[in-house]
C-alpha atoms as a PDB file:
ATOM      1  CA  MET A   1     -13.341 -26.819  11.154  1.00  0.00           C
ATOM      2  CA  LEU A   2      -9.968 -26.136  13.123  1.00  0.00           C
ATOM      3  CA  ASP A   3     -10.530 -24.605  16.181  1.00  0.00           C
ATOM      4  CA  LEU A   4      -7.562 -21.311  16.374  1.00  0.00           C
ATOM      5  CA  ASN A   5      -7.723 -22.173  20.552  1.00  0.00           C
ATOM      6  CA  GLU A   6      -7.278 -25.976  20.020  1.00  0.00           C
ATOM      7  CA  LEU A   7      -4.323 -25.468  17.329  1.00  0.00           C
ATOM      8  CA  GLU A   8      -2.844 -22.921  20.248  1.00  0.00           C
ATOM      9  CA  GLN A   9      -2.966 -25.555  23.000  1.00  0.00           C
ATOM     10  CA  LEU A  10      -1.493 -28.322  20.714  1.00  0.00           C
ATOM     11  CA  ILE A  11       1.446 -25.970  19.729  1.00  0.00           C
ATOM     12  CA  ALA A  12       1.656 -25.675  23.688  1.00  0.00           C
ATOM     13  CA  PHE A  13       1.870 -29.084  24.296  1.00  0.00           C
ATOM     14  CA  ALA A  14       4.133 -29.547  21.495  1.00  0.00           C
ATOM     15  CA  ASP A  15       6.495 -26.974  23.024  1.00  0.00           C
ATOM     16  CA  THR A  16       5.994 -27.939  26.284  1.00  0.00           C
ATOM     17  CA  GLY A  17       5.491 -31.947  26.309  1.00  0.00           C
ATOM     18  CA  THR A  18       2.519 -32.461  28.823  1.00  0.00           C
ATOM     19  CA  LEU A  19      -0.726 -31.925  29.276  1.00  0.00           C
ATOM     20  CA  SER A  20      -0.470 -30.483  32.449  1.00  0.00           C
ATOM     21  CA  LYS A  21       1.691 -27.748  31.504  1.00  0.00           C
ATOM     22  CA  VAL A  22      -0.320 -26.749  28.911  1.00  0.00           C
ATOM     23  CA  ALA A  23      -3.769 -26.961  31.244  1.00  0.00           C
ATOM     24  CA  GLU A  24      -1.935 -24.593  33.557  1.00  0.00           C
ATOM     25  CA  ASP A  25      -0.610 -22.017  30.733  1.00  0.00           C
ATOM     26  CA  PHE A  26      -4.192 -21.839  29.554  1.00  0.00           C
ATOM     27  CA  HIS A  27      -5.732 -22.024  32.890  1.00  0.00           C
ATOM     28  CA  ILE A  28      -7.929 -24.753  31.924  1.00  0.00           C
ATOM     29  CA  SER A  29      -8.290 -28.735  33.220  1.00  0.00           C
ATOM     30  CA  THR A  30      -6.151 -31.215  32.436  1.00  0.00           C
ATOM     31  CA  PRO A  31      -9.360 -32.888  30.804  1.00  0.00           C
ATOM     32  CA  SER A  32      -9.998 -29.835  28.775  1.00  0.00           C
ATOM     33  CA  VAL A  33      -7.100 -30.208  27.193  1.00  0.00           C
ATOM     34  CA  THR A  34      -7.344 -33.790  26.601  1.00  0.00           C
ATOM     35  CA  ARG A  35     -10.534 -32.974  24.815  1.00  0.00           C
ATOM     36  CA  SER A  36      -9.015 -30.145  22.800  1.00  0.00           C
ATOM     37  CA  MET A  37      -6.604 -32.567  21.625  1.00  0.00           C
ATOM     38  CA  LYS A  38      -9.030 -35.403  20.231  1.00  0.00           C
ATOM     39  CA  ASN A  39     -11.088 -32.580  18.798  1.00  0.00           C
ATOM     40  CA  VAL A  40      -7.981 -31.594  16.717  1.00  0.00           C
ATOM     41  CA  GLU A  41      -7.494 -35.183  15.967  1.00  0.00           C
ATOM     42  CA  GLU A  42     -10.911 -35.327  14.643  1.00  0.00           C
ATOM     43  CA  ALA A  43     -10.935 -31.971  12.519  1.00  0.00           C
ATOM     44  CA  PHE A  44      -7.563 -33.450  10.993  1.00  0.00           C
ATOM     45  CA  GLY A  45      -9.491 -36.773  10.566  1.00  0.00           C
ATOM     46  CA  VAL A  46      -6.055 -39.089  11.185  1.00  0.00           C
ATOM     47  CA  PRO A  47      -3.964 -40.215  14.385  1.00  0.00           C
ATOM     48  CA  LEU A  48      -2.074 -37.145  15.767  1.00  0.00           C
ATOM     49  CA  PHE A  49      -0.912 -39.104  19.110  1.00  0.00           C
ATOM     50  CA  HIS A  50       0.802 -42.509  20.100  1.00  0.00           C
ATOM     51  CA  ARG A  51      -1.760 -43.261  23.354  1.00  0.00           C
ATOM     52  CA  THR A  52      -0.599 -45.571  26.099  1.00  0.00           C
ATOM     53  CA  LYS A  53      -2.347 -45.547  29.895  1.00  0.00           C
ATOM     54  CA  ASN A  54      -0.281 -42.329  31.691  1.00  0.00           C
ATOM     55  CA  ARG A  55       1.193 -41.131  28.196  1.00  0.00           C
ATOM     56  CA  ILE A  56       0.457 -39.286  24.724  1.00  0.00           C
ATOM     57  CA  GLU A  57       2.879 -38.000  22.815  1.00  0.00           C
ATOM     58  CA  LEU A  58       2.702 -36.627  19.237  1.00  0.00           C
ATOM     59  CA  ASN A  59       3.596 -39.245  16.563  1.00  0.00           C
ATOM     60  CA  GLU A  60       4.838 -38.322  12.922  1.00  0.00           C
ATOM     61  CA  THR A  61       1.597 -37.175  11.304  1.00  0.00           C
ATOM     62  CA  GLY A  62       1.061 -35.316  15.141  1.00  0.00           C
ATOM     63  CA  SER A  63       4.384 -33.293  14.114  1.00  0.00           C
ATOM     64  CA  MET A  64       3.323 -32.083  10.488  1.00  0.00           C
ATOM     65  CA  ALA A  65       0.314 -31.274  12.090  1.00  0.00           C
ATOM     66  CA  VAL A  66       1.923 -28.986  14.599  1.00  0.00           C
ATOM     67  CA  GLU A  67       3.697 -26.694  11.971  1.00  0.00           C
ATOM     68  CA  TYR A  68       0.442 -26.237   9.430  1.00  0.00           C
ATOM     69  CA  ALA A  69      -1.179 -25.225  13.126  1.00  0.00           C
ATOM     70  CA  ARG A  70       1.665 -22.705  13.464  1.00  0.00           C
ATOM     71  CA  LYS A  71       1.504 -21.140  10.170  1.00  0.00           C
ATOM     72  CA  VAL A  72      -2.700 -21.525  10.258  1.00  0.00           C
ATOM     73  CA  LEU A  73      -2.059 -19.212  13.273  1.00  0.00           C
ATOM     74  CA  ASP A  74       0.701 -16.985  11.802  1.00  0.00           C
ATOM     75  CA  GLU A  75      -1.926 -16.574   8.883  1.00  0.00           C
ATOM     76  CA  ALA A  76      -5.102 -15.678  11.448  1.00  0.00           C
ATOM     77  CA  GLU A  77      -2.697 -13.149  13.070  1.00  0.00           C
ATOM     78  CA  HIS A  78      -1.525 -11.844  10.349  1.00  0.00           C
ATOM     79  CA  ALA A  79      -5.514 -11.673   9.086  1.00  0.00           C
ATOM     80  CA  VAL A  80      -6.536  -9.646  12.068  1.00  0.00           C
ATOM     81  CA  ARG A  81      -3.842  -7.392  11.489  1.00  0.00           C
ATOM     82  CA  ARG A  82      -4.710  -6.506   8.198  1.00  0.00           C
ATOM     83  CA  VAL A  83      -7.715  -5.890   8.370  1.00  0.00           C
ATOM     84  CA  ARG A  84      -7.650  -3.544  11.647  1.00  0.00           C
ATOM     85  CA  GLU A  85      -5.143  -1.358   9.680  1.00  0.00           C
ATOM     86  CA  TYR A  86      -7.174  -1.246   6.741  1.00  0.00           C
ATOM     87  CA  ASP A  87     -10.146  -0.351   9.124  1.00  0.00           C
ATOM     88  CA  ALA A  88      -7.895   2.017  10.836  1.00  0.00           C
ATOM     89  CA  ARG A  89      -6.769   3.633   7.366  1.00  0.00           C
ATOM     90  CA  ARG A  90     -10.656   4.402   6.352  1.00  0.00           C
ATOM     91  CA  LYS A  91     -10.819   6.404   9.583  1.00  0.00           C
ATOM     92  CA  THR A  92      -7.432   7.993   9.327  1.00  0.00           C
ATOM     93  CA  ILE A  93      -6.296  11.096   7.132  1.00  0.00           C
ATOM     94  CA  THR A  94      -2.612  11.108   6.524  1.00  0.00           C
ATOM     95  CA  VAL A  95      -0.872  14.428   5.958  1.00  0.00           C
ATOM     96  CA  LYS A  96       3.029  14.628   4.734  1.00  0.00           C
ATOM     97  CA  SER A  97       4.208  18.173   5.068  1.00  0.00           C
ATOM     98  CA  CYS A  98       7.811  19.496   4.118  1.00  0.00           C
ATOM     99  CA  ALA A  99       7.563  22.429   6.995  1.00  0.00           C
ATOM    100  CA  PRO A 100       5.736  22.760  10.111  1.00  0.00           C
ATOM    101  CA  ALA A 101       3.863  25.945   9.506  1.00  0.00           C
ATOM    102  CA  PRO A 102       1.550  24.493   6.586  1.00  0.00           C
ATOM    103  CA  LEU A 103       0.806  21.622   8.432  1.00  0.00           C
ATOM    104  CA  TRP A 104      -0.317  23.131  11.538  1.00  0.00           C
ATOM    105  CA  LYS A 105      -2.830  25.355   9.352  1.00  0.00           C
ATOM    106  CA  LEU A 106      -3.966  22.425   7.381  1.00  0.00           C
ATOM    107  CA  LEU A 107      -4.554  20.041  10.580  1.00  0.00           C
ATOM    108  CA  MET A 108      -6.741  22.969  11.989  1.00  0.00           C
ATOM    109  CA  GLN A 109      -8.719  22.825   8.493  1.00  0.00           C
ATOM    110  CA  LEU A 110      -9.108  19.055   8.677  1.00  0.00           C
ATOM    111  CA  ASN A 111      -9.902  18.757  11.809  1.00  0.00           C
ATOM    112  CA  GLY A 112     -12.459  20.972  11.451  1.00  0.00           C
ATOM    113  CA  ARG A 113     -14.040  19.471   8.163  1.00  0.00           C
ATOM    114  CA  TYR A 114     -13.966  15.739   9.445  1.00  0.00           C
ATOM    115  CA  PRO A 115     -14.319  15.482  12.783  1.00  0.00           C
ATOM    116  CA  GLU A 116     -14.918  12.010  12.827  1.00  0.00           C
ATOM    117  CA  MET A 117     -11.353  11.342  11.037  1.00  0.00           C
ATOM    118  CA  THR A 118      -8.437  10.797  12.903  1.00  0.00           C
ATOM    119  CA  VAL A 119      -5.800  12.985  11.282  1.00  0.00           C
ATOM    120  CA  SER A 120      -1.833  11.409  11.381  1.00  0.00           C
ATOM    121  CA  SER A 121       1.004  13.959  10.323  1.00  0.00           C
ATOM    122  CA  GLY A 122       4.801  14.033   9.911  1.00  0.00           C
ATOM    123  CA  ILE A 123       7.180  15.934   8.497  1.00  0.00           C
ATOM    124  CA  GLY A 124      10.112  15.306   6.233  1.00  0.00           C
ATOM    125  CA  GLN A 125      12.624  16.473   3.387  1.00  0.00           C
ATOM    126  CA  ASN A 126      10.849  17.134   0.036  1.00  0.00           C
ATOM    127  CA  GLU A 127      11.904  14.029  -1.610  1.00  0.00           C
ATOM    128  CA  GLU A 128      10.401  11.989   1.602  1.00  0.00           C
ATOM    129  CA  VAL A 129       7.123  13.575   1.152  1.00  0.00           C
ATOM    130  CA  LEU A 130       6.831  13.697  -2.923  1.00  0.00           C
ATOM    131  CA  GLU A 131       7.564   9.837  -2.600  1.00  0.00           C
ATOM    132  CA  ALA A 132       4.926   9.034   0.170  1.00  0.00           C
ATOM    133  CA  LEU A 133       2.549  11.003  -2.045  1.00  0.00           C
ATOM    134  CA  LYS A 134       3.630   9.019  -5.179  1.00  0.00           C
ATOM    135  CA  ARG A 135       3.436   5.671  -3.269  1.00  0.00           C
ATOM    136  CA  GLN A 136       0.009   6.406  -1.732  1.00  0.00           C
ATOM    137  CA  GLU A 137       1.315   6.534   1.785  1.00  0.00           C
ATOM    138  CA  CYS A 138      -0.361  10.079   2.354  1.00  0.00           C
ATOM    139  CA  ASP A 139      -3.894  11.350   1.552  1.00  0.00           C
ATOM    140  CA  PHE A 140      -2.303  14.925   1.367  1.00  0.00           C
ATOM    141  CA  ALA A 141       1.539  16.478   0.925  1.00  0.00           C
ATOM    142  CA  ILE A 142       2.551  19.860   0.897  1.00  0.00           C
ATOM    143  CA  LEU A 143       5.221  20.869  -0.621  1.00  0.00           C
ATOM    144  CA  PRO A 144       7.443  23.969  -1.580  1.00  0.00           C
ATOM    145  CA  PHE A 145       6.985  23.483  -5.251  1.00  0.00           C
ATOM    146  CA  MET A 146       4.267  22.591  -8.416  1.00  0.00           C
ATOM    147  CA  ILE A 147       3.995  18.909  -9.102  1.00  0.00           C
ATOM    148  CA  GLN A 148       3.159  18.070 -12.657  1.00  0.00           C
ATOM    149  CA  ASP A 149       1.340  15.623 -12.899  1.00  0.00           C
ATOM    150  CA  GLU A 150      -2.229  14.799 -13.827  1.00  0.00           C
ATOM    151  CA  HIS A 151      -2.609  12.277 -10.990  1.00  0.00           C
ATOM    152  CA  PHE A 152      -2.893  14.706  -8.291  1.00  0.00           C
ATOM    153  CA  VAL A 153      -5.348  17.576  -7.923  1.00  0.00           C
ATOM    154  CA  ILE A 154      -2.412  20.539  -7.083  1.00  0.00           C
ATOM    155  CA  LYS A 155      -3.417  23.909  -5.796  1.00  0.00           C
ATOM    156  CA  GLU A 156      -1.242  27.135  -4.128  1.00  0.00           C
ATOM    157  CA  TYR A 157      -1.959  26.799  -0.538  1.00  0.00           C
ATOM    158  CA  MET A 158       0.150  29.497   1.577  1.00  0.00           C
ATOM    159  CA  LYS A 159       3.019  31.662   1.653  1.00  0.00           C
ATOM    160  CA  GLU A 160       6.018  31.853   4.270  1.00  0.00           C
ATOM    161  CA  LYS A 161       9.231  34.213   4.562  1.00  0.00           C
ATOM    162  CA  LEU A 162      12.053  33.114   6.713  1.00  0.00           C
ATOM    163  CA  PHE A 163      13.304  35.878   9.346  1.00  0.00           C
ATOM    164  CA  VAL A 164      16.451  35.957  11.143  1.00  0.00           C
ATOM    165  CA  CYS A 165      15.430  36.732  15.630  1.00  0.00           C
ATOM    166  CA  VAL A 166      18.048  38.493  17.374  1.00  0.00           C
ATOM    167  CA  PRO A 167      18.398  40.446  20.582  1.00  0.00           C
ATOM    168  CA  LYS A 168      18.158  43.985  20.061  1.00  0.00           C
ATOM    169  CA  ASN A 169      21.687  44.323  21.238  1.00  0.00           C
ATOM    170  CA  HIS A 170      23.209  41.906  19.221  1.00  0.00           C
ATOM    171  CA  GLU A 171      25.333  42.820  16.060  1.00  0.00           C
ATOM    172  CA  LEU A 172      22.886  41.403  13.362  1.00  0.00           C
ATOM    173  CA  ALA A 173      20.305  43.784  14.797  1.00  0.00           C
ATOM    174  CA  ARG A 174      21.830  46.888  13.101  1.00  0.00           C
ATOM    175  CA  TYR A 175      20.799  45.645   9.398  1.00  0.00           C
ATOM    176  CA  LYS A 176      17.809  46.211   7.806  1.00  0.00           C
ATOM    177  CA  GLU A 177      17.816  42.687   5.622  1.00  0.00           C
ATOM    178  CA  LEU A 178      19.784  39.687   6.107  1.00  0.00           C
ATOM    179  CA  SER A 179      21.319  37.165   3.874  1.00  0.00           C
ATOM    180  CA  PHE A 180      22.849  33.443   4.021  1.00  0.00           C
ATOM    181  CA  GLN A 181      26.488  35.221   3.219  1.00  0.00           C
ATOM    182  CA  ILE A 182      26.025  37.791   5.929  1.00  0.00           C
ATOM    183  CA  ILE A 183      24.745  35.171   9.040  1.00  0.00           C
ATOM    184  CA  ASN A 184      27.255  32.494   7.215  1.00  0.00           C
ATOM    185  CA  GLY A 185      29.346  31.380  10.626  1.00  0.00           C
ATOM    186  CA  PHE A 186      27.279  32.656  13.248  1.00  0.00           C
ATOM    187  CA  ASN A 187      25.899  30.159  15.572  1.00  0.00           C
ATOM    188  CA  PHE A 188      21.858  29.490  15.792  1.00  0.00           C
ATOM    189  CA  LEU A 189      19.152  27.839  17.915  1.00  0.00           C
ATOM    190  CA  LEU A 190      17.190  25.723  15.503  1.00  0.00           C
ATOM    191  CA  ARG A 191      14.304  23.617  15.986  1.00  0.00           C
ATOM    192  CA  SER A 192      14.061  20.245  15.186  1.00  0.00           C
ATOM    193  CA  GLU A 193      11.510  19.056  12.793  1.00  0.00           C
ATOM    194  CA  LEU A 194      11.727  21.517  10.538  1.00  0.00           C
ATOM    195  CA  GLY A 195      11.669  19.750   7.304  1.00  0.00           C
ATOM    196  CA  PHE A 196      13.363  21.493   4.286  1.00  0.00           C
ATOM    197  CA  TRP A 197      13.689  24.500   6.246  1.00  0.00           C
ATOM    198  CA  ASP A 198      16.743  22.700   7.907  1.00  0.00           C
ATOM    199  CA  THR A 199      18.122  21.206   5.256  1.00  0.00           C
ATOM    200  CA  ILE A 200      18.161  24.868   3.535  1.00  0.00           C
ATOM    201  CA  CYS A 201      19.941  26.601   6.784  1.00  0.00           C
ATOM    202  CA  ARG A 202      22.677  24.077   6.891  1.00  0.00           C
ATOM    203  CA  LYS A 203      23.751  23.730   3.363  1.00  0.00           C
ATOM    204  CA  LYS A 204      23.730  27.302   3.451  1.00  0.00           C
ATOM    205  CA  MET A 205      25.441  27.811   6.236  1.00  0.00           C
ATOM    206  CA  PRO A 206      28.008  25.354   6.433  1.00  0.00           C
ATOM    207  CA  ALA A 207      30.091  27.703   8.710  1.00  0.00           C
ATOM    208  CA  SER A 208      27.643  27.844  11.490  1.00  0.00           C
ATOM    209  CA  LYS A 209      26.968  25.613  14.290  1.00  0.00           C
ATOM    210  CA  PHE A 210      23.640  24.971  15.210  1.00  0.00           C
ATOM    211  CA  LEU A 211      22.090  24.201  19.171  1.00  0.00           C
ATOM    212  CA  VAL A 212      19.195  21.796  18.088  1.00  0.00           C
ATOM    213  CA  GLN A 213      15.922  22.107  20.682  1.00  0.00           C
ATOM    214  CA  THR A 214      13.540  19.351  20.053  1.00  0.00           C
ATOM    215  CA  ASP A 215      11.146  20.426  23.020  1.00  0.00           C
ATOM    216  CA  GLU A 216       8.729  23.867  22.226  1.00  0.00           C
ATOM    217  CA  PHE A 217       9.362  25.070  26.090  1.00  0.00           C
ATOM    218  CA  THR A 218      13.240  24.624  26.084  1.00  0.00           C
ATOM    219  CA  MET A 219      13.290  26.651  22.538  1.00  0.00           C
ATOM    220  CA  ASN A 220      11.375  29.255  24.075  1.00  0.00           C
ATOM    221  CA  GLU A 221      13.106  29.260  27.121  1.00  0.00           C
ATOM    222  CA  LEU A 222      16.332  29.629  25.274  1.00  0.00           C
ATOM    223  CA  ILE A 223      15.328  32.182  22.579  1.00  0.00           C
ATOM    224  CA  LYS A 224      14.460  34.256  26.006  1.00  0.00           C
ATOM    225  CA  SER A 225      17.194  34.180  28.153  1.00  0.00           C
ATOM    226  CA  SER A 226      19.973  33.253  25.377  1.00  0.00           C
ATOM    227  CA  SER A 227      21.824  35.906  22.953  1.00  0.00           C
ATOM    228  CA  LEU A 228      21.740  33.398  20.302  1.00  0.00           C
ATOM    229  CA  PRO A 229      19.700  33.804  17.146  1.00  0.00           C
ATOM    230  CA  CYS A 230      17.125  31.851  15.648  1.00  0.00           C
ATOM    231  CA  PHE A 231      15.205  32.093  12.640  1.00  0.00           C
ATOM    232  CA  VAL A 232      11.461  32.488  12.669  1.00  0.00           C
ATOM    233  CA  THR A 233       8.635  32.938   9.452  1.00  0.00           C
ATOM    234  CA  ASP A 234       5.964  35.149   9.222  1.00  0.00           C
ATOM    235  CA  ALA A 235       3.483  32.736   9.670  1.00  0.00           C
ATOM    236  CA  VAL A 236       5.417  31.907  13.165  1.00  0.00           C
ATOM    237  CA  MET A 237       5.247  35.895  14.129  1.00  0.00           C
ATOM    238  CA  SER A 238       1.856  36.270  13.408  1.00  0.00           C
ATOM    239  CA  GLN A 239       0.677  34.145  16.216  1.00  0.00           C
ATOM    240  CA  GLY A 240       2.593  36.350  18.928  1.00  0.00           C
ATOM    241  CA  ALA A 241       5.551  33.967  19.359  1.00  0.00           C
ATOM    242  CA  ILE A 242       8.510  36.616  19.628  1.00  0.00           C
ATOM    243  CA  ASP A 243       8.900  38.791  22.566  1.00  0.00           C
ATOM    244  CA  THR A 244       9.282  41.854  20.194  1.00  0.00           C
ATOM    245  CA  GLU A 245      10.274  43.877  23.183  1.00  0.00           C
ATOM    246  CA  LYS A 246      13.810  42.076  23.725  1.00  0.00           C
ATOM    247  CA  ARG A 247      14.243  40.830  20.367  1.00  0.00           C
ATOM    248  CA  VAL A 248      13.624  42.041  16.389  1.00  0.00           C
ATOM    249  CA  ALA A 249      12.869  39.679  13.641  1.00  0.00           C
ATOM    250  CA  ILE A 250      14.952  40.877  10.324  1.00  0.00           C
ATOM    251  CA  PRO A 251      13.809  39.937   6.936  1.00  0.00           C
ATOM    252  CA  MET A 252      16.006  37.505   4.746  1.00  0.00           C
ATOM    253  CA  THR A 253      16.505  38.426   1.091  1.00  0.00           C
ATOM    254  CA  ASP A 254      17.694  34.833  -0.278  1.00  0.00           C
ATOM    255  CA  SER A 255      14.901  33.377  -2.922  1.00  0.00           C
ATOM    256  CA  GLU A 256      15.302  30.182  -0.981  1.00  0.00           C
ATOM    257  CA  VAL A 257      13.256  31.637   1.765  1.00  0.00           C
ATOM    258  CA  ASN A 258      10.597  33.531   0.355  1.00  0.00           C
ATOM    259  CA  VAL A 259       8.520  30.236  -0.375  1.00  0.00           C
ATOM    260  CA  THR A 260       5.487  29.193  -1.800  1.00  0.00           C
ATOM    261  CA  PHE A 261       4.107  26.240  -0.298  1.00  0.00           C
ATOM    262  CA  TYR A 262       1.063  23.263  -2.342  1.00  0.00           C
ATOM    263  CA  LEU A 263      -1.192  21.570  -1.294  1.00  0.00           C
ATOM    264  CA  ALA A 264      -1.514  18.188  -3.347  1.00  0.00           C
ATOM    265  CA  VAL A 265      -3.779  15.000  -2.943  1.00  0.00           C
ATOM    266  CA  ARG A 266      -4.098  12.020  -5.706  1.00  0.00           C
ATOM    267  CA  ARG A 267      -7.459  12.089  -7.840  1.00  0.00           C
ATOM    268  CA  LYS A 268      -9.219   9.231  -6.738  1.00  0.00           C
ATOM    269  CA  LYS A 269      -9.447   7.309 -10.501  1.00  0.00           C
ATOM    270  CA  ALA A 270      -6.038   7.424 -10.480  1.00  0.00           C
ATOM    271  CA  CYS A 271      -5.800   5.251  -7.190  1.00  0.00           C
ATOM    272  CA  ALA A 272      -5.673   1.675  -7.352  1.00  0.00           C
ATOM    273  CA  SER A 273      -5.488   1.020  -3.516  1.00  0.00           C
ATOM    274  CA  VAL A 274      -9.121   0.177  -2.517  1.00  0.00           C
ATOM    275  CA  CYS A 275      -9.172   1.922   0.686  1.00  0.00           C
ATOM    276  CA  HIS A 276      -8.555   5.147  -0.907  1.00  0.00           C
ATOM    277  CA  LYS A 277     -10.139   8.322   0.268  1.00  0.00           C
ATOM    278  CA  GLU A 278     -12.043  11.366  -1.950  1.00  0.00           C
ATOM    279  CA  TYR A 279     -10.575  13.939  -0.747  1.00  0.00           C
ATOM    280  CA  THR A 280     -10.522  16.323  -3.354  1.00  0.00           C
ATOM    281  CA  SER A 281     -13.570  18.215  -2.487  1.00  0.00           C
ATOM    282  CA  PHE A 282     -11.616  19.773  -0.057  1.00  0.00           C
ATOM    283  CA  PHE A 283     -10.096  21.672  -2.685  1.00  0.00           C
ATOM    284  CA  ASP A 284     -13.222  23.677  -3.453  1.00  0.00           C
ATOM    285  CA  CYS A 285     -13.578  24.698   0.592  1.00  0.00           C
END
């Protein structure tokens, strides 16, 4: 039988040309490398080397053996990687969401219900999330619309409303309600990784500029010290994230920002993946 470690030594010999260099690289003795070369030759069952009193070199058959050895090692590495990935997928719940707030809620529920599993998550645009669900690249998907597809179990998950958050002395603070038409042209603080919220705001506010922040701490400090307005949702406000002594949250009236999120999971019987996990029971909780 071919030994992978000995095949690695054969390849190293082909690359370096000397047994002593192979021994040095593998931290073994030169006689050990010599034995490995003999073992490889016996495993193939044909001569692989030209041997003289003080020298050994590959013959033509040996050169071919090296090429196949490279392929064998590549396949072995690929096999190990795929098996490990398969095992990781079996122990991982993957979630894709179009927005942060419903993702936070779902992660808490999944971690509580499946403590033995690793939960991997990401935020993307609606199209990206839906495509990930259809391609079986995620176990759960959160979208701001209902999917009419018998392959998925879908339920209404949560609602969220968008507000504009401004300092109390800001000119927008005099409004009881706001719309994109009114705020278009004002510059805003904006968090990164907002999913479809980011798309809506940029689409509806072409005359505005956005100071995008990737760090939550920096964003919070700017909200405290800056006069720039920002967006906030009722889900975020429920966590006490806004200083109500300095800022006021004004509701938006546009229909696009009063959102119902839906949670979707693929039905097990419709899934061809051998490592698919059955999570439809989660919808009963």
